[in-house]
């Protein structure tokens, strides 16, 4: 079990991730360098926020 770096909820790293969470993993790895520290829910939220506000990543 890991603890999320944003919301502090515990999560299993082996959980199945949605497509939005997978995109969030890419952002965590390539943009914010915090891969492996966020829960699937926060990864999904990050993805949605980036799609709305960071148009440079919407290509």
Protein backbone atom coordinates (compact mmCIF):
# COMPACT_ATOMS: atom_id res chain seq x y z
CA UNK A 1 0.00 0.00 0.00
CA UNK A 2 1.14 3.50 -0.84
CA UNK A 3 -0.08 6.90 0.33
CA UNK A 4 -1.04 9.46 -2.31
CA UNK A 5 1.14 12.56 -2.42
CA UNK A 6 -1.86 14.82 -3.07
CA UNK A 7 -4.88 13.49 -1.14
CA UNK A 8 -3.06 11.20 1.37
CA UNK A 9 -5.40 8.27 0.63
CA UNK A 10 -3.84 4.82 0.58
CA UNK A 11 -3.85 2.90 -2.69
CA UNK A 12 -2.45 -0.27 -4.20
CA UNK A 13 0.11 0.26 -6.91
CA UNK A 14 -1.14 -2.86 -8.68
CA UNK A 15 -4.71 -1.55 -9.08
CA UNK A 16 -6.17 -1.43 -12.58
CA UNK A 17 -6.10 2.11 -13.94
CA UNK A 18 -8.60 3.84 -16.23
CA UNK A 19 -7.46 5.50 -19.45
CA UNK A 20 -7.50 8.90 -17.70
CA UNK A 21 -5.35 7.55 -14.87
CA UNK A 22 -2.90 6.09 -17.41
CA UNK A 23 -2.63 9.51 -19.07
CA UNK A 24 -2.08 10.96 -15.59
CA UNK A 25 0.76 8.49 -15.07
CA UNK A 26 2.42 9.81 -18.22
CA UNK A 27 2.03 13.39 -16.96
CA UNK A 28 3.43 12.38 -13.57
CA UNK A 29 6.44 10.82 -15.24
CA UNK A 30 7.17 13.31 -18.00
CA UNK A 31 5.93 16.66 -16.66
CA UNK A 32 5.83 16.73 -12.86
CA UNK A 33 8.35 13.95 -12.05
CA UNK A 34 6.16 12.49 -9.27
CA UNK A 35 5.40 9.13 -10.88
CA UNK A 36 4.35 6.41 -8.47
CA UNK A 37 3.29 8.81 -5.73
CA UNK A 38 -0.31 9.54 -6.79
CA UNK A 39 -3.46 7.45 -6.47
CA UNK A 40 -5.55 6.61 -9.55
CA UNK A 41 -8.24 9.14 -8.57
CA UNK A 42 -5.74 12.03 -8.37
CA UNK A 43 -4.14 10.91 -11.64
CA UNK A 44 -7.57 11.06 -13.31
CA UNK A 45 -8.29 14.51 -11.90
CA UNK A 46 -4.88 15.78 -13.00
CA UNK A 47 -5.53 14.51 -16.53
CA UNK A 48 -8.90 16.28 -16.71
CA UNK A 49 -7.44 19.53 -15.38
CA UNK A 50 -4.59 19.39 -17.89
CA UNK A 51 -7.05 18.82 -20.73
CA UNK A 52 -9.03 21.88 -19.62
CA UNK A 53 -6.21 24.30 -18.78
CA UNK A 54 -2.88 23.19 -20.26
CA UNK A 55 -3.57 23.24 -23.98
CA UNK A 56 0.09 22.71 -24.84
CA UNK A 57 -0.36 19.00 -23.82
CA UNK A 58 -3.54 18.48 -25.88
CA UNK A 59 -1.93 17.49 -29.14
